Amino acid sequence: MSNPSAESPPAAANRRRSPRRRALLSGKLVFGEGRAIDCAIRDISETGAKIRLTRGEYVPTRVFLIVRRTATAYEARVSWSKGPDFGLLFVNSYNLEPKLPAELRYLLQIWETFRPPLPGAQA
């Protein structure tokens, strides 16, 4: 009797550098002169994310993804798109709490409208 694993076709190679974790997070996709649209983050890793936009929404190849839960803005490149889903490859990340470089301060304005309420703040 032969070894069944030897007869099985090889598993498809995963080209990701780090494993993705399934998620359902709120995000904002920012591009152009500060245009921001809502998105759902379906999975995320250290190197990228899968996001879902409203049907019919399209974005340029260079964007920022703001993740509400972590107060992080990821500079990203769109690596694929299929229907309302888009794959992002992270180029750089910025914590939105400390001081940002001057050319990225517009992200703070978007973050302020999107961030979770601070503890003890009135709604």
N, C-alpha and C. Protein backbone atom coordinates (compact mmCIF):
# COMPACT_ATOMS: atom_id res chain seq x y z
N MET A 1 0.85 -1.17 0.00
CA MET A 1 0.00 0.00 0.00
C MET A 1 0.89 1.23 0.00
N SER A 2 0.57 2.17 -0.82
CA SER A 2 1.41 3.36 -0.92
C SER A 2 0.96 4.42 0.07
N ASN A 3 1.84 5.39 0.30
CA ASN A 3 1.58 6.50 1.21
C ASN A 3 0.63 7.48 0.50
N PRO A 4 -0.61 7.70 1.03
CA PRO A 4 -1.56 8.58 0.35
C PRO A 4 -1.05 10.01 0.22
N SER A 5 -0.26 10.48 1.18
CA SER A 5 0.21 11.86 1.09
C SER A 5 1.19 12.02 -0.06
N ALA A 6 1.89 10.95 -0.44
CA ALA A 6 2.83 11.02 -1.55
C ALA A 6 2.08 11.15 -2.88
N GLU A 7 0.84 10.68 -2.93
CA GLU A 7 0.06 10.74 -4.16
C GLU A 7 -0.76 12.02 -4.27
N SER A 8 -0.92 12.74 -3.18
CA SER A 8 -1.73 13.95 -3.18
C SER A 8 -0.98 15.06 -3.89
N PRO A 9 -1.72 15.90 -4.58
CA PRO A 9 -1.06 17.05 -5.22
C PRO A 9 -0.54 17.99 -4.14
N PRO A 10 0.50 18.73 -4.43
CA PRO A 10 1.03 19.66 -3.43
C PRO A 10 0.00 20.74 -3.12
N ALA A 11 -0.01 21.19 -1.88
CA ALA A 11 -0.92 22.26 -1.49
C ALA A 11 -0.53 23.54 -2.21
N ALA A 12 -1.52 24.35 -2.47
CA ALA A 12 -1.25 25.63 -3.13
C ALA A 12 -0.35 26.47 -2.24
N ALA A 13 0.61 27.10 -2.84
CA ALA A 13 1.55 27.91 -2.07
C ALA A 13 0.86 29.18 -1.59
N ASN A 14 1.09 29.53 -0.34
CA ASN A 14 0.58 30.76 0.21
C ASN A 14 1.67 31.81 0.05
N ARG A 15 1.42 32.83 -0.74
CA ARG A 15 2.43 33.84 -1.02
C ARG A 15 2.52 34.91 0.06
N ARG A 16 1.66 34.87 1.04
CA ARG A 16 1.69 35.86 2.10
C ARG A 16 2.90 35.66 3.00
N ARG A 17 3.47 36.78 3.43
CA ARG A 17 4.64 36.71 4.30
C ARG A 17 4.26 36.44 5.75
N SER A 18 3.04 36.78 6.13
CA SER A 18 2.58 36.51 7.50
C SER A 18 1.12 36.07 7.44
N PRO A 19 0.71 35.21 8.36
CA PRO A 19 -0.65 34.68 8.31
C PRO A 19 -1.70 35.76 8.58
N ARG A 20 -2.80 35.67 7.87
CA ARG A 20 -3.90 36.60 8.07
C ARG A 20 -4.83 36.06 9.14
N ARG A 21 -5.40 36.97 9.93
CA ARG A 21 -6.39 36.60 10.94
C ARG A 21 -7.75 37.12 10.48
N ARG A 22 -8.75 36.25 10.55
CA ARG A 22 -10.10 36.68 10.21
C ARG A 22 -10.50 37.79 11.15
N ALA A 23 -11.20 38.77 10.62
CA ALA A 23 -11.61 39.91 11.43
C ALA A 23 -12.90 40.49 10.87
N LEU A 24 -13.54 41.27 11.66
CA LEU A 24 -14.66 42.09 11.20
C LEU A 24 -14.51 43.42 11.92
N LEU A 25 -13.65 44.26 11.37
CA LEU A 25 -13.31 45.54 11.97
C LEU A 25 -13.81 46.68 11.10
N SER A 26 -14.04 47.82 11.73
CA SER A 26 -14.41 49.03 10.99
C SER A 26 -13.15 49.73 10.52
N GLY A 27 -13.20 50.24 9.32
CA GLY A 27 -12.06 50.97 8.79
C GLY A 27 -12.50 52.11 7.92
N LYS A 28 -11.57 52.98 7.63
CA LYS A 28 -11.75 54.07 6.66
C LYS A 28 -10.64 53.95 5.65
N LEU A 29 -11.00 54.05 4.39
CA LEU A 29 -10.02 54.07 3.32
C LEU A 29 -9.88 55.52 2.89
N VAL A 30 -8.65 56.03 2.89
CA VAL A 30 -8.39 57.44 2.60
C VAL A 30 -7.49 57.52 1.38
N PHE A 31 -7.86 58.42 0.46
CA PHE A 31 -7.06 58.59 -0.75
C PHE A 31 -7.32 59.97 -1.33
N GLY A 32 -6.53 60.31 -2.34
CA GLY A 32 -6.69 61.61 -2.99
C GLY A 32 -6.40 62.74 -2.02
N GLU A 33 -7.21 63.75 -2.08
CA GLU A 33 -7.05 64.93 -1.22
C GLU A 33 -7.80 64.76 0.09
N GLY A 34 -7.73 63.56 0.68
CA GLY A 34 -8.37 63.34 1.96
C GLY A 34 -9.77 62.76 1.86
N ARG A 35 -10.14 62.22 0.71
CA ARG A 35 -11.43 61.57 0.59
C ARG A 35 -11.41 60.29 1.43
N ALA A 36 -12.46 60.08 2.22
CA ALA A 36 -12.52 58.91 3.10
C ALA A 36 -13.83 58.17 2.87
N ILE A 37 -13.73 56.85 2.73
CA ILE A 37 -14.92 56.01 2.61
C ILE A 37 -14.85 54.89 3.63
N ASP A 38 -16.00 54.46 4.10
CA ASP A 38 -16.07 53.36 5.06
C ASP A 38 -15.72 52.05 4.40
N CYS A 39 -15.14 51.16 5.18
CA CYS A 39 -14.86 49.81 4.69
C CYS A 39 -14.96 48.83 5.86
N ALA A 40 -15.16 47.58 5.52
CA ALA A 40 -15.12 46.50 6.51
C ALA A 40 -13.81 45.75 6.29
N ILE A 41 -13.08 45.53 7.36
CA ILE A 41 -11.82 44.79 7.28
C ILE A 41 -12.15 43.34 7.58
N ARG A 42 -12.00 42.48 6.57
CA ARG A 42 -12.41 41.07 6.66
C ARG A 42 -11.32 40.18 7.23
N ASP A 43 -10.07 40.47 6.91
CA ASP A 43 -8.94 39.80 7.54
C ASP A 43 -7.74 40.73 7.49
N ILE A 44 -6.78 40.48 8.38
CA ILE A 44 -5.66 41.40 8.51
C ILE A 44 -4.43 40.64 9.02
N SER A 45 -3.27 41.10 8.61
CA SER A 45 -1.99 40.55 9.08
C SER A 45 -1.02 41.70 9.25
N GLU A 46 0.21 41.38 9.57
CA GLU A 46 1.24 42.41 9.68
C GLU A 46 1.55 43.04 8.33
N THR A 47 1.28 42.33 7.25
CA THR A 47 1.69 42.82 5.93
C THR A 47 0.55 43.22 5.01
N GLY A 48 -0.70 42.98 5.40
CA GLY A 48 -1.80 43.34 4.52
C GLY A 48 -3.16 43.06 5.10
N ALA A 49 -4.19 43.33 4.28
CA ALA A 49 -5.56 43.13 4.73
C ALA A 49 -6.46 42.88 3.53
N LYS A 50 -7.58 42.25 3.80
CA LYS A 50 -8.66 42.11 2.84
C LYS A 50 -9.79 43.00 3.33
N ILE A 51 -10.24 43.92 2.47
CA ILE A 51 -11.30 44.83 2.86
C ILE A 51 -12.49 44.67 1.92
N ARG A 52 -13.64 45.10 2.40
CA ARG A 52 -14.85 45.09 1.57
C ARG A 52 -15.42 46.50 1.56
N LEU A 53 -15.70 46.97 0.34
CA LEU A 53 -16.31 48.28 0.15
C LEU A 53 -17.76 48.10 -0.28
N THR A 54 -18.50 49.19 -0.28
CA THR A 54 -19.85 49.18 -0.82
C THR A 54 -19.74 48.86 -2.31
N ARG A 55 -20.65 48.05 -2.81
CA ARG A 55 -20.62 47.70 -4.24
C ARG A 55 -20.57 48.97 -5.09
N GLY A 56 -19.74 48.92 -6.11
CA GLY A 56 -19.60 50.05 -7.01
C GLY A 56 -18.50 51.03 -6.62
N GLU A 57 -17.97 50.92 -5.40
CA GLU A 57 -16.87 51.79 -4.98
C GLU A 57 -15.56 51.25 -5.53
N TYR A 58 -14.74 52.15 -6.03
CA TYR A 58 -13.40 51.79 -6.49
C TYR A 58 -12.42 52.79 -5.93
N VAL A 59 -11.19 52.36 -5.79
CA VAL A 59 -10.17 53.22 -5.20
C VAL A 59 -8.91 53.17 -6.05
N PRO A 60 -8.04 54.18 -5.90
CA PRO A 60 -6.77 54.13 -6.63
C PRO A 60 -5.85 53.07 -6.03
N THR A 61 -4.71 52.88 -6.64
CA THR A 61 -3.80 51.82 -6.19
C THR A 61 -3.05 52.17 -4.91
N ARG A 62 -2.92 53.45 -4.55
CA ARG A 62 -2.25 53.87 -3.31
C ARG A 62 -3.29 54.49 -2.39
N VAL A 63 -3.40 53.95 -1.16
CA VAL A 63 -4.40 54.39 -0.20
C VAL A 63 -3.83 54.34 1.22
N PHE A 64 -4.58 54.88 2.16
CA PHE A 64 -4.33 54.69 3.58
C PHE A 64 -5.54 53.96 4.14
N LEU A 65 -5.29 52.96 4.97
CA LEU A 65 -6.34 52.26 5.70
C LEU A 65 -6.23 52.65 7.16
N ILE A 66 -7.29 53.26 7.70
CA ILE A 66 -7.31 53.60 9.13
C ILE A 66 -8.13 52.53 9.83
N VAL A 67 -7.51 51.87 10.82
CA VAL A 67 -8.17 50.83 11.60
C VAL A 67 -8.64 51.46 12.90
N ARG A 68 -9.94 51.47 13.09
CA ARG A 68 -10.52 52.14 14.26
C ARG A 68 -10.03 51.55 15.58
N ARG A 69 -10.02 50.24 15.68
CA ARG A 69 -9.68 49.58 16.96
C ARG A 69 -8.26 49.87 17.42
N THR A 70 -7.31 49.97 16.49
CA THR A 70 -5.91 50.11 16.88
C THR A 70 -5.35 51.52 16.72
N ALA A 71 -6.16 52.46 16.21
CA ALA A 71 -5.69 53.84 15.98
C ALA A 71 -4.43 53.84 15.12
N THR A 72 -4.47 53.04 14.06
CA THR A 72 -3.32 52.91 13.16
C THR A 72 -3.74 53.25 11.74
N ALA A 73 -2.89 53.97 11.04
CA ALA A 73 -3.08 54.23 9.62
C ALA A 73 -2.01 53.46 8.86
N TYR A 74 -2.45 52.63 7.93
CA TYR A 74 -1.53 51.87 7.10
C TYR A 74 -1.46 52.49 5.71
N GLU A 75 -0.29 52.86 5.29
CA GLU A 75 -0.08 53.23 3.90
C GLU A 75 -0.06 51.92 3.13
N ALA A 76 -0.87 51.82 2.08
CA ALA A 76 -1.04 50.53 1.42
C ALA A 76 -1.15 50.68 -0.09
N ARG A 77 -0.92 49.55 -0.73
CA ARG A 77 -1.05 49.42 -2.18
C ARG A 77 -2.12 48.36 -2.43
N VAL A 78 -3.05 48.65 -3.34
CA VAL A 78 -4.06 47.65 -3.70
C VAL A 78 -3.38 46.59 -4.55
N SER A 79 -3.42 45.34 -4.09
CA SER A 79 -2.74 44.26 -4.82
C SER A 79 -3.70 43.43 -5.66
N TRP A 80 -5.00 43.45 -5.34
CA TRP A 80 -5.99 42.75 -6.14
C TRP A 80 -7.38 43.29 -5.81
N SER A 81 -8.32 43.06 -6.72
CA SER A 81 -9.72 43.41 -6.45
C SER A 81 -10.61 42.39 -7.14
N LYS A 82 -11.71 42.09 -6.46
CA LYS A 82 -12.69 41.16 -7.01
C LYS A 82 -14.04 41.53 -6.40
N GLY A 83 -14.88 42.15 -7.22
CA GLY A 83 -16.18 42.59 -6.72
C GLY A 83 -16.00 43.67 -5.67
N PRO A 84 -16.68 43.55 -4.55
CA PRO A 84 -16.52 44.59 -3.52
C PRO A 84 -15.30 44.37 -2.63
N ASP A 85 -14.54 43.28 -2.86
CA ASP A 85 -13.38 42.96 -2.02
C ASP A 85 -12.08 43.43 -2.66
N PHE A 86 -11.17 43.92 -1.80
CA PHE A 86 -9.88 44.41 -2.25
C PHE A 86 -8.80 43.87 -1.33
N GLY A 87 -7.66 43.51 -1.89
CA GLY A 87 -6.50 43.10 -1.11
C GLY A 87 -5.53 44.25 -1.00
N LEU A 88 -5.06 44.52 0.20
CA LEU A 88 -4.10 45.60 0.43
C LEU A 88 -2.78 45.03 0.91
N LEU A 89 -1.71 45.57 0.41
CA LEU A 89 -0.36 45.23 0.86
C LEU A 89 0.17 46.46 1.60
N PHE A 90 0.49 46.30 2.87
CA PHE A 90 0.94 47.43 3.67
C PHE A 90 2.37 47.82 3.31
N VAL A 91 2.57 49.13 3.14
CA VAL A 91 3.88 49.69 2.81
C VAL A 91 4.52 50.29 4.06
N ASN A 92 3.68 50.92 4.89
CA ASN A 92 4.16 51.57 6.10
C ASN A 92 2.99 51.69 7.07
N SER A 93 3.27 51.91 8.35
CA SER A 93 2.19 52.11 9.31
C SER A 93 2.52 53.30 10.21
N TYR A 94 1.46 53.97 10.68
CA TYR A 94 1.61 55.15 11.52
C TYR A 94 0.62 55.07 12.67
N ASN A 95 1.10 55.24 13.89
CA ASN A 95 0.24 55.32 15.05
C ASN A 95 -0.41 56.70 15.02
N LEU A 96 -1.72 56.76 15.17
CA LEU A 96 -2.41 58.04 15.06
C LEU A 96 -2.45 58.84 16.36
N GLU A 97 -1.89 58.33 17.40
CA GLU A 97 -1.87 59.07 18.66
C GLU A 97 -0.70 60.05 18.73
N PRO A 98 0.55 59.61 18.51
CA PRO A 98 1.65 60.58 18.57
C PRO A 98 1.66 61.50 17.35
N LYS A 99 2.59 62.38 17.35
CA LYS A 99 2.71 63.36 16.26
C LYS A 99 3.03 62.66 14.94
N LEU A 100 2.27 63.02 13.92
CA LEU A 100 2.49 62.48 12.57
C LEU A 100 3.34 63.44 11.76
N PRO A 101 4.01 62.94 10.72
CA PRO A 101 4.70 63.86 9.81
C PRO A 101 3.70 64.88 9.24
N ALA A 102 4.14 66.09 8.97
CA ALA A 102 3.27 67.18 8.52
C ALA A 102 2.42 66.78 7.32
N GLU A 103 2.98 66.04 6.37
CA GLU A 103 2.24 65.70 5.16
C GLU A 103 1.13 64.67 5.41
N LEU A 104 1.08 64.09 6.61
CA LEU A 104 0.04 63.10 6.94
C LEU A 104 -0.94 63.57 8.00
N ARG A 105 -0.83 64.81 8.43
CA ARG A 105 -1.69 65.30 9.52
C ARG A 105 -3.17 65.31 9.15
N TYR A 106 -3.49 65.36 7.87
CA TYR A 106 -4.90 65.30 7.47
C TYR A 106 -5.53 63.98 7.92
N LEU A 107 -4.73 62.93 8.12
CA LEU A 107 -5.26 61.65 8.61
C LEU A 107 -5.80 61.81 10.03
N LEU A 108 -5.20 62.68 10.83
CA LEU A 108 -5.68 62.92 12.19
C LEU A 108 -7.08 63.52 12.18
N GLN A 109 -7.35 64.42 11.24
CA GLN A 109 -8.68 65.02 11.14
C GLN A 109 -9.73 63.95 10.83
N ILE A 110 -9.40 63.05 9.94
CA ILE A 110 -10.32 61.95 9.61
C ILE A 110 -10.47 61.05 10.82
N TRP A 111 -9.37 60.75 11.50
CA TRP A 111 -9.40 59.89 12.69
C TRP A 111 -10.30 60.48 13.77
N GLU A 112 -10.23 61.79 13.98
CA GLU A 112 -11.03 62.42 15.03
C GLU A 112 -12.53 62.24 14.80
N THR A 113 -12.97 62.15 13.55
CA THR A 113 -14.39 61.94 13.27
C THR A 113 -14.79 60.47 13.35
N PHE A 114 -13.82 59.60 13.43
CA PHE A 114 -14.03 58.15 13.32
C PHE A 114 -13.69 57.39 14.60
N ARG A 115 -12.86 57.97 15.43
CA ARG A 115 -12.35 57.27 16.62
C ARG A 115 -13.46 56.91 17.59
N PRO A 116 -13.23 55.85 18.37
CA PRO A 116 -14.20 55.51 19.41
C PRO A 116 -14.25 56.62 20.45
N PRO A 117 -15.39 56.78 21.12
CA PRO A 117 -15.47 57.83 22.15
C PRO A 117 -14.48 57.54 23.27
N LEU A 118 -13.92 58.59 23.82
CA LEU A 118 -12.99 58.44 24.94
C LEU A 118 -13.78 58.09 26.19
N PRO A 119 -13.19 57.29 27.10
CA PRO A 119 -13.89 56.94 28.34
C PRO A 119 -14.31 58.20 29.10
N GLY A 120 -15.55 58.22 29.55
CA GLY A 120 -16.05 59.36 30.31
C GLY A 120 -16.56 60.50 29.45
N ALA A 121 -16.35 60.41 28.12
CA ALA A 121 -16.85 61.48 27.22
C ALA A 121 -18.34 61.28 27.00
N GLN A 122 -19.04 62.38 26.89
CA GLN A 122 -20.48 62.30 26.63
C GLN A 122 -20.72 62.15 25.14
N ALA A 123 -21.73 61.36 24.81
CA ALA A 123 -22.05 61.10 23.40
C ALA A 123 -22.83 62.24 22.81
